[in-house]
Amino acid sequence: MKSNWMMEEKMIRFIKGALEETTENTVILENNGIGFEIFVPENVMAQMPQSGSEVKIYTYFHVREDAMQLFGFLTKSDLRMFELLITVNGIGPKGALGILSIFSADELRMSIFAGDAKTISKAPGIGRKTAEKLILELKDKITKEQQIQSINEKVNSQSKTEEKEDK
């Protein structure tokens, strides 16, 4: 049985530092002389700047008997969706990362609201039954307020990007 997702593993909520290296599914950020290896979705890899640039990644600290791992996202919305996904029985952090490599948090929310198991099952390692379970377990947890908050976050992010481009 999974423990309460709101109460655990909130030790490291974000890391801001210089991008040192990228691999197939991780980034390494240097912060105060420490290199943090962070697993990220494939779509985050495509958005990484060049090495040496400063990056802020929102993180989930996952502790297992045999490993401690950081999973990272560029937005709080994606992090919240990841935390919801891992509450579903049968979906662990790597599975949730795979889902968020295929879908943005907003696309996934819309598929959940629509009950679209066929679309969700396109994610690697997610069959139709798991997609249906995901919809059943998360439909009531994902509120319209979260959807609005996600849209506001996206608008604020775009405004900041436009301000930087104007300078």
Foldseek 3Di string as FASTA:
>chain_A
DDDDLVPDQCPAFKDKAFFADDDQFWTWGDDPNDTATEGAANVVVVVDDDGGDIAMWTWGWDDDPVDIHIYTDRDVLLVVLLSLQCVQPPAHNVNSSQLCNVDPSLRLLVCLLVLPLVVSCVGPPRHSVSSNSSSVRCVVVDDVVSVVVVVVRVVVVVVVVVVVVVD
